[in-house]
C-alpha atoms as a PDB file:
ATOM      1  CA  UNK A   1      17.710 -40.377 -85.551  1.00  0.00           C
ATOM      2  CA  UNK A   2      19.457 -40.438 -82.154  1.00  0.00           C
ATOM      3  CA  UNK A   3      22.425 -42.827 -82.148  1.00  0.00           C
ATOM      4  CA  UNK A   4      24.612 -43.798 -79.170  1.00  0.00           C
ATOM      5  CA  UNK A   5      27.848 -45.807 -79.091  1.00  0.00           C
ATOM      6  CA  UNK A   6      28.952 -48.404 -76.525  1.00  0.00           C
ATOM      7  CA  UNK A   7      32.686 -49.074 -76.718  1.00  0.00           C
ATOM      8  CA  UNK A   8      35.189 -46.357 -77.633  1.00  0.00           C
ATOM      9  CA  UNK A   9      38.167 -48.264 -78.986  1.00  0.00           C
ATOM     10  CA  UNK A  10      39.381 -47.899 -82.575  1.00  0.00           C
ATOM     11  CA  UNK A  11      35.994 -48.728 -84.074  1.00  0.00           C
ATOM     12  CA  UNK A  12      33.998 -46.668 -81.576  1.00  0.00           C
ATOM     13  CA  UNK A  13      35.982 -43.552 -82.430  1.00  0.00           C
ATOM     14  CA  UNK A  14      35.655 -44.319 -86.158  1.00  0.00           C
ATOM     15  CA  UNK A  15      31.893 -44.587 -85.750  1.00  0.00           C
ATOM     16  CA  UNK A  16      31.738 -41.375 -83.678  1.00  0.00           C
ATOM     17  CA  UNK A  17      33.547 -39.324 -86.317  1.00  0.00           C
ATOM     18  CA  UNK A  18      31.321 -40.622 -89.097  1.00  0.00           C
ATOM     19  CA  UNK A  19      28.006 -40.301 -87.276  1.00  0.00           C
ATOM     20  CA  UNK A  20      28.873 -36.740 -86.234  1.00  0.00           C
ATOM     21  CA  UNK A  21      29.193 -35.773 -89.918  1.00  0.00           C
ATOM     22  CA  UNK A  22      25.760 -37.116 -90.949  1.00  0.00           C
ATOM     23  CA  UNK A  23      22.752 -34.834 -91.188  1.00  0.00           C
ATOM     24  CA  UNK A  24      20.387 -37.740 -90.555  1.00  0.00           C
ATOM     25  CA  UNK A  25      22.115 -38.784 -87.311  1.00  0.00           C
ATOM     26  CA  UNK A  26      22.301 -37.125 -83.911  1.00  0.00           C
ATOM     27  CA  UNK A  27      25.229 -38.637 -82.012  1.00  0.00           C
ATOM     28  CA  UNK A  28      23.654 -38.945 -78.575  1.00  0.00           C
ATOM     29  CA  UNK A  29      26.459 -39.968 -76.242  1.00  0.00           C
ATOM     30  CA  UNK A  30      29.343 -42.426 -76.249  1.00  0.00           C
ATOM     31  CA  UNK A  31      30.288 -44.833 -73.471  1.00  0.00           C
ATOM     32  CA  UNK A  32      33.355 -46.746 -72.344  1.00  0.00           C
ATOM     33  CA  UNK A  33      34.514 -48.061 -68.982  1.00  0.00           C
ATOM     34  CA  UNK A  34      37.815 -46.305 -69.751  1.00  0.00           C
ATOM     35  CA  UNK A  35      36.953 -42.653 -69.113  1.00  0.00           C
ATOM     36  CA  UNK A  36      39.858 -41.361 -71.226  1.00  0.00           C
ATOM     37  CA  UNK A  37      38.725 -43.335 -74.259  1.00  0.00           C
ATOM     38  CA  UNK A  38      35.135 -42.193 -73.783  1.00  0.00           C
ATOM     39  CA  UNK A  39      36.281 -38.563 -73.620  1.00  0.00           C
ATOM     40  CA  UNK A  40      38.393 -39.014 -76.768  1.00  0.00           C
ATOM     41  CA  UNK A  41      35.424 -40.415 -78.697  1.00  0.00           C
ATOM     42  CA  UNK A  42      33.096 -37.729 -77.317  1.00  0.00           C
ATOM     43  CA  UNK A  43      35.501 -35.036 -78.456  1.00  0.00           C
ATOM     44  CA  UNK A  44      35.802 -36.627 -81.911  1.00  0.00           C
ATOM     45  CA  UNK A  45      32.019 -36.753 -82.262  1.00  0.00           C
ATOM     46  CA  UNK A  46      31.067 -33.556 -80.445  1.00  0.00           C
ATOM     47  CA  UNK A  47      28.891 -35.333 -77.891  1.00  0.00           C
ATOM     48  CA  UNK A  48      28.804 -36.422 -74.251  1.00  0.00           C
ATOM     49  CA  UNK A  49      30.935 -39.128 -72.613  1.00  0.00           C
ATOM     50  CA  UNK A  50      29.632 -41.762 -70.200  1.00  0.00           C
ATOM     51  CA  UNK A  51      31.263 -44.563 -68.241  1.00  0.00           C
ATOM     52  CA  UNK A  52      28.038 -46.544 -67.675  1.00  0.00           C
ATOM     53  CA  UNK A  53      25.935 -47.393 -70.704  1.00  0.00           C
ATOM     54  CA  UNK A  54      22.718 -47.821 -68.759  1.00  0.00           C
ATOM     55  CA  UNK A  55      23.050 -44.237 -67.531  1.00  0.00           C
ATOM     56  CA  UNK A  56      23.683 -43.125 -71.123  1.00  0.00           C
ATOM     57  CA  UNK A  57      20.602 -44.968 -72.381  1.00  0.00           C
ATOM     58  CA  UNK A  58      18.432 -43.449 -69.664  1.00  0.00           C
ATOM     59  CA  UNK A  59      19.600 -39.876 -70.231  1.00  0.00           C
ATOM     60  CA  UNK A  60      19.954 -39.917 -74.025  1.00  0.00           C
ATOM     61  CA  UNK A  61      17.125 -42.335 -74.978  1.00  0.00           C
ATOM     62  CA  UNK A  62      18.649 -43.207 -78.383  1.00  0.00           C
ATOM     63  CA  UNK A  63      16.778 -44.851 -81.244  1.00  0.00           C
ATOM     64  CA  UNK A  64      19.857 -46.823 -82.320  1.00  0.00           C
ATOM     65  CA  UNK A  65      22.863 -48.127 -80.386  1.00  0.00           C
ATOM     66  CA  UNK A  66      26.179 -49.067 -81.987  1.00  0.00           C
ATOM     67  CA  UNK A  67      27.899 -51.937 -80.168  1.00  0.00           C
ATOM     68  CA  UNK A  68      31.655 -51.538 -80.678  1.00  0.00           C
ATOM     69  CA  UNK A  69      32.638 -53.775 -77.782  1.00  0.00           C
ATOM     70  CA  UNK A  70      34.968 -56.800 -77.773  1.00  0.00           C
ATOM     71  CA  UNK A  71      33.301 -59.795 -79.421  1.00  0.00           C
ATOM     72  CA  UNK A  72      32.733 -61.752 -76.211  1.00  0.00           C
ATOM     73  CA  UNK A  73      30.478 -58.929 -74.940  1.00  0.00           C
ATOM     74  CA  UNK A  74      28.245 -58.762 -78.034  1.00  0.00           C
ATOM     75  CA  UNK A  75      25.588 -61.304 -77.058  1.00  0.00           C
ATOM     76  CA  UNK A  76      24.590 -59.992 -73.639  1.00  0.00           C
ATOM     77  CA  UNK A  77      24.723 -56.345 -74.748  1.00  0.00           C
ATOM     78  CA  UNK A  78      22.704 -56.836 -77.942  1.00  0.00           C
ATOM     79  CA  UNK A  79      20.037 -58.883 -76.156  1.00  0.00           C
ATOM     80  CA  UNK A  80      19.707 -56.264 -73.422  1.00  0.00           C
ATOM     81  CA  UNK A  81      19.384 -53.482 -76.012  1.00  0.00           C
ATOM     82  CA  UNK A  82      16.777 -55.471 -77.967  1.00  0.00           C
ATOM     83  CA  UNK A  83      14.677 -55.879 -74.825  1.00  0.00           C
ATOM     84  CA  UNK A  84      14.854 -52.108 -74.342  1.00  0.00           C
ATOM     85  CA  UNK A  85      13.488 -51.606 -77.857  1.00  0.00           C
ATOM     86  CA  UNK A  86      16.703 -50.257 -79.395  1.00  0.00           C
ATOM     87  CA  UNK A  87      17.805 -50.931 -82.953  1.00  0.00           C
ATOM     88  CA  UNK A  88      21.369 -52.312 -82.947  1.00  0.00           C
ATOM     89  CA  UNK A  89      24.395 -51.868 -85.200  1.00  0.00           C
ATOM     90  CA  UNK A  90      26.957 -54.413 -83.971  1.00  0.00           C
ATOM     91  CA  UNK A  91      30.574 -54.716 -85.037  1.00  0.00           C
ATOM     92  CA  UNK A  92      31.676 -57.962 -86.632  1.00  0.00           C
ATOM     93  CA  UNK A  93      31.877 -60.831 -85.953  1.00  0.00           C
ATOM     94  CA  UNK A  94      28.314 -61.178 -84.718  1.00  0.00           C
ATOM     95  CA  UNK A  95      29.461 -63.482 -81.903  1.00  0.00           C
ATOM     96  CA  UNK A  96      31.781 -66.323 -80.984  1.00  0.00           C
ATOM     97  CA  UNK A  97      29.344 -69.212 -81.511  1.00  0.00           C
ATOM     98  CA  UNK A  98      26.298 -69.961 -83.620  1.00  0.00           C
ATOM     99  CA  UNK A  99      24.277 -70.219 -80.429  1.00  0.00           C
ATOM    100  CA  UNK A 100      25.225 -66.642 -79.566  1.00  0.00           C
ATOM    101  CA  UNK A 101      24.330 -65.443 -83.059  1.00  0.00           C
ATOM    102  CA  UNK A 102      20.973 -67.221 -82.956  1.00  0.00           C
ATOM    103  CA  UNK A 103      20.133 -65.766 -79.543  1.00  0.00           C
ATOM    104  CA  UNK A 104      20.917 -62.232 -80.734  1.00  0.00           C
ATOM    105  CA  UNK A 105      18.918 -62.573 -83.946  1.00  0.00           C
ATOM    106  CA  UNK A 106      15.946 -64.065 -82.108  1.00  0.00           C
ATOM    107  CA  UNK A 107      15.991 -61.398 -79.366  1.00  0.00           C
ATOM    108  CA  UNK A 108      15.883 -58.607 -81.946  1.00  0.00           C
ATOM    109  CA  UNK A 109      13.133 -60.348 -83.902  1.00  0.00           C
ATOM    110  CA  UNK A 110      11.008 -60.934 -80.795  1.00  0.00           C
ATOM    111  CA  UNK A 111      11.318 -57.308 -79.731  1.00  0.00           C
ATOM    112  CA  UNK A 112      10.653 -55.804 -83.161  1.00  0.00           C
ATOM    113  CA  UNK A 113      14.039 -54.120 -83.591  1.00  0.00           C
ATOM    114  CA  UNK A 114      16.627 -54.332 -86.390  1.00  0.00           C
ATOM    115  CA  UNK A 115      20.043 -55.966 -86.018  1.00  0.00           C
ATOM    116  CA  UNK A 116      22.847 -54.986 -88.398  1.00  0.00           C
ATOM    117  CA  UNK A 117      26.404 -56.369 -88.363  1.00  0.00           C
ATOM    118  CA  UNK A 118      29.356 -54.340 -89.614  1.00  0.00           C
ATOM    119  CA  UNK A 119      30.906 -56.400 -92.406  1.00  0.00           C
ATOM    120  CA  UNK A 120      32.285 -53.227 -93.933  1.00  0.00           C
ATOM    121  CA  UNK A 121      34.176 -54.750 -96.889  1.00  0.00           C
ATOM    122  CA  UNK A 122      30.915 -54.853 -98.868  1.00  0.00           C
ATOM    123  CA  UNK A 123      30.902 -51.033 -98.655  1.00  0.00           C
ATOM    124  CA  UNK A 124      34.389 -50.501-100.111  1.00  0.00           C
ATOM    125  CA  UNK A 125      33.821 -49.195-103.678  1.00  0.00           C
ATOM    126  CA  UNK A 126      36.446 -51.436-105.275  1.00  0.00           C
ATOM    127  CA  UNK A 127      35.012 -54.575-103.650  1.00  0.00           C
ATOM    128  CA  UNK A 128      31.442 -53.494-104.425  1.00  0.00           C
ATOM    129  CA  UNK A 129      32.422 -52.920-108.066  1.00  0.00           C
ATOM    130  CA  UNK A 130      34.103 -56.333-108.211  1.00  0.00           C
ATOM    131  CA  UNK A 131      30.999 -58.024-106.808  1.00  0.00           C
ATOM    132  CA  UNK A 132      28.860 -56.282-109.421  1.00  0.00           C
ATOM    133  CA  UNK A 133      31.099 -57.311-112.304  1.00  0.00           C
ATOM    134  CA  UNK A 134      31.185 -60.936-111.156  1.00  0.00           C
ATOM    135  CA  UNK A 135      27.388 -60.950-110.758  1.00  0.00           C
ATOM    136  CA  UNK A 136      27.037 -59.633-114.327  1.00  0.00           C
ATOM    137  CA  UNK A 137      29.224 -62.466-115.620  1.00  0.00           C
ATOM    138  CA  UNK A 138      32.209 -60.320-116.616  1.00  0.00           C
ATOM    139  CA  UNK A 139      34.658 -63.026-115.468  1.00  0.00           C
ATOM    140  CA  UNK A 140      32.557 -65.925-116.712  1.00  0.00           C
ATOM    141  CA  UNK A 141      31.478 -68.960-114.721  1.00  0.00           C
ATOM    142  CA  UNK A 142      32.607 -69.915-111.209  1.00  0.00           C
ATOM    143  CA  UNK A 143      36.353 -70.178-110.828  1.00  0.00           C
ATOM    144  CA  UNK A 144      38.995 -69.566-108.198  1.00  0.00           C
ATOM    145  CA  UNK A 145      39.439 -66.581-105.875  1.00  0.00           C
ATOM    146  CA  UNK A 146      42.505 -65.581-103.884  1.00  0.00           C
ATOM    147  CA  UNK A 147      42.131 -63.009-101.090  1.00  0.00           C
ATOM    148  CA  UNK A 148      44.534 -61.818 -98.419  1.00  0.00           C
ATOM    149  CA  UNK A 149      44.245 -59.435 -95.481  1.00  0.00           C
ATOM    150  CA  UNK A 150      47.364 -58.480 -93.513  1.00  0.00           C
ATOM    151  CA  UNK A 151      47.678 -56.195 -90.489  1.00  0.00           C
ATOM    152  CA  UNK A 152      49.844 -55.559 -87.469  1.00  0.00           C
ATOM    153  CA  UNK A 153      49.398 -57.650 -84.337  1.00  0.00           C
ATOM    154  CA  UNK A 154      46.759 -56.072 -82.032  1.00  0.00           C
ATOM    155  CA  UNK A 155      48.327 -54.099 -79.213  1.00  0.00           C
ATOM    156  CA  UNK A 156      47.618 -51.626 -76.423  1.00  0.00           C
ATOM    157  CA  UNK A 157      43.880 -51.545 -75.750  1.00  0.00           C
ATOM    158  CA  UNK A 158      43.510 -54.496 -78.093  1.00  0.00           C
ATOM    159  CA  UNK A 159      44.980 -57.036 -75.642  1.00  0.00           C
ATOM    160  CA  UNK A 160      41.650 -58.907 -75.509  1.00  0.00           C
ATOM    161  CA  UNK A 161      42.325 -59.976 -79.105  1.00  0.00           C
ATOM    162  CA  UNK A 162      45.111 -62.223 -77.784  1.00  0.00           C
ATOM    163  CA  UNK A 163      42.624 -64.283 -75.742  1.00  0.00           C
ATOM    164  CA  UNK A 164      40.997 -66.732 -78.163  1.00  0.00           C
ATOM    165  CA  UNK A 165      38.020 -67.159 -75.832  1.00  0.00           C
ATOM    166  CA  UNK A 166      37.282 -63.444 -76.293  1.00  0.00           C
ATOM    167  CA  UNK A 167      38.216 -62.696 -79.921  1.00  0.00           C
ATOM    168  CA  UNK A 168      38.283 -66.071 -81.668  1.00  0.00           C
ATOM    169  CA  UNK A 169      41.672 -65.303 -83.222  1.00  0.00           C
ATOM    170  CA  UNK A 170      42.759 -64.163 -86.661  1.00  0.00           C
ATOM    171  CA  UNK A 171      40.223 -66.212 -88.655  1.00  0.00           C
ATOM    172  CA  UNK A 172      37.238 -65.133 -86.585  1.00  0.00           C
ATOM    173  CA  UNK A 173      38.213 -61.487 -86.324  1.00  0.00           C
ATOM    174  CA  UNK A 174      40.258 -60.547 -89.405  1.00  0.00           C
ATOM    175  CA  UNK A 175      39.653 -63.142 -92.114  1.00  0.00           C
ATOM    176  CA  UNK A 176      35.902 -63.091 -91.499  1.00  0.00           C
ATOM    177  CA  UNK A 177      35.780 -59.892 -93.595  1.00  0.00           C
ATOM    178  CA  UNK A 178      36.874 -61.843 -96.681  1.00  0.00           C
ATOM    179  CA  UNK A 179      34.784 -64.873 -95.731  1.00  0.00           C
ATOM    180  CA  UNK A 180      31.679 -62.692 -95.799  1.00  0.00           C
ATOM    181  CA  UNK A 181      32.686 -61.105 -99.098  1.00  0.00           C
ATOM    182  CA  UNK A 182      33.415 -64.326-101.021  1.00  0.00           C
ATOM    183  CA  UNK A 183      30.151 -65.808 -99.750  1.00  0.00           C
ATOM    184  CA  UNK A 184      28.325 -62.719-101.028  1.00  0.00           C
ATOM    185  CA  UNK A 185      29.888 -63.369-104.445  1.00  0.00           C
ATOM    186  CA  UNK A 186      29.737 -67.177-104.723  1.00  0.00           C
ATOM    187  CA  UNK A 187      26.820 -68.129-102.463  1.00  0.00           C
ATOM    188  CA  UNK A 188      26.675 -70.930 -99.940  1.00  0.00           C
ATOM    189  CA  UNK A 189      29.739 -72.995 -99.038  1.00  0.00           C
ATOM    190  CA  UNK A 190      29.769 -76.717 -98.345  1.00  0.00           C
ATOM    191  CA  UNK A 191      33.286 -77.450 -97.055  1.00  0.00           C
ATOM    192  CA  UNK A 192      36.438 -75.778 -95.804  1.00  0.00           C
ATOM    193  CA  UNK A 193      40.054 -76.797 -95.213  1.00  0.00           C
ATOM    194  CA  UNK A 194      42.354 -74.647 -93.058  1.00  0.00           C
ATOM    195  CA  UNK A 195      45.798 -74.480 -91.486  1.00  0.00           C
ATOM    196  CA  UNK A 196      47.346 -71.988 -89.120  1.00  0.00           C
ATOM    197  CA  UNK A 197      50.710 -70.968 -87.672  1.00  0.00           C
ATOM    198  CA  UNK A 198      51.200 -68.729 -84.658  1.00  0.00           C
ATOM    199  CA  UNK A 199      53.715 -67.637 -82.041  1.00  0.00           C
ATOM    200  CA  UNK A 200      53.686 -65.550 -78.883  1.00  0.00           C
ATOM    201  CA  UNK A 201      56.513 -63.869 -77.025  1.00  0.00           C
ATOM    202  CA  UNK A 202      58.148 -60.602 -77.998  1.00  0.00           C
ATOM    203  CA  UNK A 203      57.340 -60.956 -81.709  1.00  0.00           C
ATOM    204  CA  UNK A 204      53.863 -62.528 -81.873  1.00  0.00           C
ATOM    205  CA  UNK A 205      52.019 -63.410 -85.050  1.00  0.00           C
ATOM    206  CA  UNK A 206      49.058 -65.475 -86.214  1.00  0.00           C
ATOM    207  CA  UNK A 207      48.811 -66.581 -89.837  1.00  0.00           C
ATOM    208  CA  UNK A 208      45.963 -68.613 -91.322  1.00  0.00           C
ATOM    209  CA  UNK A 209      45.246 -70.147 -94.721  1.00  0.00           C
ATOM    210  CA  UNK A 210      41.706 -71.266 -95.548  1.00  0.00           C
ATOM    211  CA  UNK A 211      40.283 -72.901 -98.672  1.00  0.00           C
ATOM    212  CA  UNK A 212      36.501 -72.778 -99.094  1.00  0.00           C
ATOM    213  CA  UNK A 213      34.562 -74.918-101.553  1.00  0.00           C
ATOM    214  CA  UNK A 214      31.236 -73.446-102.681  1.00  0.00           C
ATOM    215  CA  UNK A 215      28.144 -75.295-103.855  1.00  0.00           C
ATOM    216  CA  UNK A 216      28.383 -73.657-107.305  1.00  0.00           C
ATOM    217  CA  UNK A 217      31.855 -75.165-107.835  1.00  0.00           C
ATOM    218  CA  UNK A 218      33.928 -72.074-107.025  1.00  0.00           C
ATOM    219  CA  UNK A 219      36.976 -72.279-104.767  1.00  0.00           C
ATOM    220  CA  UNK A 220      38.298 -69.445-102.589  1.00  0.00           C
ATOM    221  CA  UNK A 221      41.756 -69.381-101.014  1.00  0.00           C
ATOM    222  CA  UNK A 222      42.012 -66.886 -98.152  1.00  0.00           C
ATOM    223  CA  UNK A 223      44.975 -65.817 -96.026  1.00  0.00           C
ATOM    224  CA  UNK A 224      44.969 -63.595 -92.963  1.00  0.00           C
ATOM    225  CA  UNK A 225      47.978 -62.386 -90.991  1.00  0.00           C
ATOM    226  CA  UNK A 226      48.278 -60.651 -87.626  1.00  0.00           C
ATOM    227  CA  UNK A 227      51.879 -59.529 -87.270  1.00  0.00           C
ATOM    228  CA  UNK A 228      52.523 -58.129 -90.754  1.00  0.00           C
ATOM    229  CA  UNK A 229      55.366 -55.568 -90.508  1.00  0.00           C
ATOM    230  CA  UNK A 230      53.996 -53.228 -93.189  1.00  0.00           C
ATOM    231  CA  UNK A 231      50.853 -51.124 -93.565  1.00  0.00           C
ATOM    232  CA  UNK A 232      47.414 -52.740 -93.543  1.00  0.00           C
ATOM    233  CA  UNK A 233      47.230 -54.603 -96.861  1.00  0.00           C
ATOM    234  CA  UNK A 234      44.439 -56.297 -98.782  1.00  0.00           C
ATOM    235  CA  UNK A 235      44.445 -58.043-102.151  1.00  0.00           C
ATOM    236  CA  UNK A 236      41.868 -60.019-104.119  1.00  0.00           C
ATOM    237  CA  UNK A 237      41.849 -61.889-107.418  1.00  0.00           C
ATOM    238  CA  UNK A 238      38.824 -63.559-109.015  1.00  0.00           C
ATOM    239  CA  UNK A 239      39.489 -65.864-111.968  1.00  0.00           C
ATOM    240  CA  UNK A 240      36.587 -67.255-113.991  1.00  0.00           C
ATOM    241  CA  UNK A 241      36.081 -68.942-117.342  1.00  0.00           C
ATOM    242  CA  UNK A 242      36.136 -65.602-119.211  1.00  0.00           C
ATOM    243  CA  UNK A 243      38.674 -63.486-117.373  1.00  0.00           C
ATOM    244  CA  UNK A 244      40.468 -62.363-114.242  1.00  0.00           C
ATOM    245  CA  UNK A 245      39.603 -59.470-111.942  1.00  0.00           C
ATOM    246  CA  UNK A 246      42.145 -58.050-109.490  1.00  0.00           C
ATOM    247  CA  UNK A 247      41.956 -55.395-106.791  1.00  0.00           C
ATOM    248  CA  UNK A 248      43.852 -54.376-103.685  1.00  0.00           C
ATOM    249  CA  UNK A 249      44.604 -51.665-101.186  1.00  0.00           C
ATOM    250  CA  UNK A 250      47.692 -50.442-103.024  1.00  0.00           C
ATOM    251  CA  UNK A 251      46.131 -50.282-106.496  1.00  0.00           C
ATOM    252  CA  UNK A 252      43.130 -48.292-105.183  1.00  0.00           C
ATOM    253  CA  UNK A 253      45.358 -45.458-103.971  1.00  0.00           C
ATOM    254  CA  UNK A 254      46.320 -42.730-106.432  1.00  0.00           C
ATOM    255  CA  UNK A 255      49.383 -41.671-104.427  1.00  0.00           C
ATOM    256  CA  UNK A 256      51.533 -43.982-102.317  1.00  0.00           C
ATOM    257  CA  UNK A 257      54.106 -42.608 -99.869  1.00  0.00           C
ATOM    258  CA  UNK A 258      55.966 -45.049 -97.637  1.00  0.00           C
ATOM    259  CA  UNK A 259      58.067 -43.923 -94.705  1.00  0.00           C
ATOM    260  CA  UNK A 260      59.441 -45.412 -91.521  1.00  0.00           C
ATOM    261  CA  UNK A 261      56.806 -45.198 -88.820  1.00  0.00           C
ATOM    262  CA  UNK A 262      57.821 -43.748 -85.478  1.00  0.00           C
ATOM    263  CA  UNK A 263      56.290 -45.119 -82.281  1.00  0.00           C
ATOM    264  CA  UNK A 264      53.746 -42.733 -80.857  1.00  0.00           C
ATOM    265  CA  UNK A 265      51.344 -42.565 -77.972  1.00  0.00           C
ATOM    266  CA  UNK A 266      47.696 -43.171 -78.728  1.00  0.00           C
ATOM    267  CA  UNK A 267      48.428 -45.548 -81.608  1.00  0.00           C
ATOM    268  CA  UNK A 268      45.342 -47.542 -82.532  1.00  0.00           C
ATOM    269  CA  UNK A 269      45.108 -50.994 -80.967  1.00  0.00           C
ATOM    270  CA  UNK A 270      44.237 -52.457 -84.370  1.00  0.00           C
ATOM    271  CA  UNK A 271      44.775 -51.183 -87.882  1.00  0.00           C
ATOM    272  CA  UNK A 272      41.769 -49.962 -89.848  1.00  0.00           C
ATOM    273  CA  UNK A 273      41.857 -50.076 -93.674  1.00  0.00           C
ATOM    274  CA  UNK A 274      42.014 -46.618 -95.188  1.00  0.00           C
ATOM    275  CA  UNK A 275      40.160 -45.183 -98.175  1.00  0.00           C
ATOM    276  CA  UNK A 276      40.922 -42.238-100.496  1.00  0.00           C
ATOM    277  CA  UNK A 277      37.236 -41.251-100.619  1.00  0.00           C
ATOM    278  CA  UNK A 278      35.781 -38.141 -99.008  1.00  0.00           C
ATOM    279  CA  UNK A 279      33.555 -40.413 -96.900  1.00  0.00           C
ATOM    280  CA  UNK A 280      35.084 -43.699 -95.838  1.00  0.00           C
ATOM    281  CA  UNK A 281      33.315 -47.092 -96.128  1.00  0.00           C
ATOM    282  CA  UNK A 282      32.269 -46.952 -92.461  1.00  0.00           C
ATOM    283  CA  UNK A 283      30.316 -43.795 -93.257  1.00  0.00           C
ATOM    284  CA  UNK A 284      28.627 -45.537 -96.193  1.00  0.00           C
ATOM    285  CA  UNK A 285      27.851 -48.570 -94.033  1.00  0.00           C
ATOM    286  CA  UNK A 286      26.330 -46.566 -91.167  1.00  0.00           C
ATOM    287  CA  UNK A 287      24.354 -44.346 -93.539  1.00  0.00           C
ATOM    288  CA  UNK A 288      22.963 -47.452 -95.249  1.00  0.00           C
ATOM    289  CA  UNK A 289      21.951 -49.109 -91.975  1.00  0.00           C
ATOM    290  CA  UNK A 290      20.190 -45.949 -90.757  1.00  0.00           C
ATOM    291  CA  UNK A 291      18.325 -45.716 -94.068  1.00  0.00           C
ATOM    292  CA  UNK A 292      17.175 -49.333 -93.653  1.00  0.00           C
ATOM    293  CA  UNK A 293      15.771 -48.490 -90.209  1.00  0.00           C
ATOM    294  CA  UNK A 294      14.060 -45.418 -91.583  1.00  0.00           C
ATOM    295  CA  UNK A 295      12.360 -47.078 -94.566  1.00  0.00           C
ATOM    296  CA  UNK A 296      12.234 -50.713 -93.450  1.00  0.00           C
ATOM    297  CA  UNK A 297      14.309 -51.967 -96.388  1.00  0.00           C
ATOM    298  CA  UNK A 298      16.545 -55.033 -96.425  1.00  0.00           C
ATOM    299  CA  UNK A 299      20.220 -54.280 -95.712  1.00  0.00           C
ATOM    300  CA  UNK A 300      23.102 -55.205 -97.988  1.00  0.00           C
ATOM    301  CA  UNK A 301      24.445 -57.328 -95.102  1.00  0.00           C
ATOM    302  CA  UNK A 302      21.821 -59.128 -93.033  1.00  0.00           C
ATOM    303  CA  UNK A 303      22.253 -60.612 -89.562  1.00  0.00           C
ATOM    304  CA  UNK A 304      21.780 -64.006 -91.220  1.00  0.00           C
ATOM    305  CA  UNK A 305      24.709 -63.208 -93.548  1.00  0.00           C
ATOM    306  CA  UNK A 306      26.833 -62.483 -90.480  1.00  0.00           C
ATOM    307  CA  UNK A 307      25.785 -65.808 -88.959  1.00  0.00           C
ATOM    308  CA  UNK A 308      26.709 -67.645 -92.178  1.00  0.00           C
ATOM    309  CA  UNK A 309      30.174 -66.047 -92.224  1.00  0.00           C
ATOM    310  CA  UNK A 310      30.626 -67.088 -88.590  1.00  0.00           C
ATOM    311  CA  UNK A 311      29.628 -70.658 -89.464  1.00  0.00           C
ATOM    312  CA  UNK A 312      32.365 -70.821 -92.119  1.00  0.00           C
ATOM    313  CA  UNK A 313      34.933 -69.336 -89.717  1.00  0.00           C
ATOM    314  CA  UNK A 314      34.040 -71.887 -87.052  1.00  0.00           C
ATOM    315  CA  UNK A 315      34.359 -74.698 -89.604  1.00  0.00           C
ATOM    316  CA  UNK A 316      37.811 -73.368 -90.518  1.00  0.00           C
ATOM    317  CA  UNK A 317      38.811 -73.465 -86.858  1.00  0.00           C
ATOM    318  CA  UNK A 318      37.649 -77.091 -86.642  1.00  0.00           C
ATOM    319  CA  UNK A 319      39.738 -77.920 -89.687  1.00  0.00           C
ATOM    320  CA  UNK A 320      42.803 -76.282 -88.108  1.00  0.00           C
ATOM    321  CA  UNK A 321      42.367 -78.479 -85.035  1.00  0.00           C
ATOM    322  CA  UNK A 322      41.759 -81.764 -86.863  1.00  0.00           C
ATOM    323  CA  UNK A 323      43.871 -81.306 -89.981  1.00  0.00           C
ATOM    324  CA  UNK A 324      40.889 -82.515 -92.015  1.00  0.00           C
ATOM    325  CA  UNK A 325      38.306 -80.754 -94.196  1.00  0.00           C
ATOM    326  CA  UNK A 326      35.242 -79.566 -92.273  1.00  0.00           C
ATOM    327  CA  UNK A 327      31.694 -79.680 -93.593  1.00  0.00           C
ATOM    328  CA  UNK A 328      29.374 -76.661 -93.506  1.00  0.00           C
ATOM    329  CA  UNK A 329      25.616 -76.708 -93.134  1.00  0.00           C
ATOM    330  CA  UNK A 330      25.263 -80.455 -92.843  1.00  0.00           C
ATOM    331  CA  UNK A 331      27.097 -81.146 -96.119  1.00  0.00           C
ATOM    332  CA  UNK A 332      29.763 -83.841 -96.359  1.00  0.00           C
ATOM    333  CA  UNK A 333      33.358 -82.599 -96.688  1.00  0.00           C
END
C-alpha cells in the first residue's frame, strides 16, 4: 500500500521511520513547507521530499495519506484528500470543534474512504493490558481513575501550540490522549469539571485538572502539564470495588538512567512518549490502520471515538471558563 505523509514535524518523522520499516507499506513521499524538515523526514524514511503536497499526490498517487499537520489545518486537508479518494490517517485531535470533526467524518463517508485518528495510547501495551483487565472485571465494578501526562512546553517548530486558536491548548492537545483512553474503559461521560493555571513569559507552563463523571458511575481525575522540567511522564491508577491497577512510564521501563540534558540543535518541538519495545506504539497503530483498510475491519479507535474525546475536551474548556460543571451530550451537569 502506497502511503504519503503531509507534515514533517516530530510526528511526521516518527511516522516516516515506522512506515519505512513495514513490509506492507511503501512510503511514497513526504511533504512539508519547510524544505529542511521535509528532507529530514525523507532521509529517515528513505523516500522523496516535497514542499507542495498537491505535487506529491500527483506524482506519487498514494492509497493512504497521513496528516501530521497542526490541528487547525486538519479539516481542510482531510476533506480535500477525501474528495481525491484517499484514505486518511490523521493525527489527534481530530479537529478544534465538533463541526470540524463532523465535516471530516462526513466527507470521508461520502467519498467512500476511511478516516483514522491517531489516539496512540490505546496501542501502548501497558495501557492495552490495563483496559483488558478492567473489561474482564479484575478490579471490580466502576470506581475512580487517576491519570496524569506531563511533558515539556512545546518549543522550536512547535510554536503554533502556543496559539489556542490553532492547538486548543494543553487539554485539547495533550490531555485528550487520556480522555480517549478513560472513555474507552468506562464508556460515555455525562459531565465534566475542570480548572487550569497557565503563564507565559520566559518560563511558560499550562497545567489543567479535569474530573469526568461517566454514566456507569465511574469518576476519572486527569491532569496534564506543559512545562514539566523532567522527562515525558505518564501515570495511571484504576481503583474498583475489587482492587487497584497501576501503571506508568517509569514502571514500564526495565532500566532507568537519568542525566542532565544538554541543549542541542534539532531538539523535537514536542516530547513523544518512548517505549522499550522493538516496535513502538506508533508502529502498532499504523500497522493496525493499514490492516483495517486492507480487510475492511473496524479499527480499535474510530473517527467517532475521536469526536467523542473532542466533545469531552471542549466541555472541559467550557468548565474552565465558567468555573461550573459542564454537561456532555445533552445531559445535565
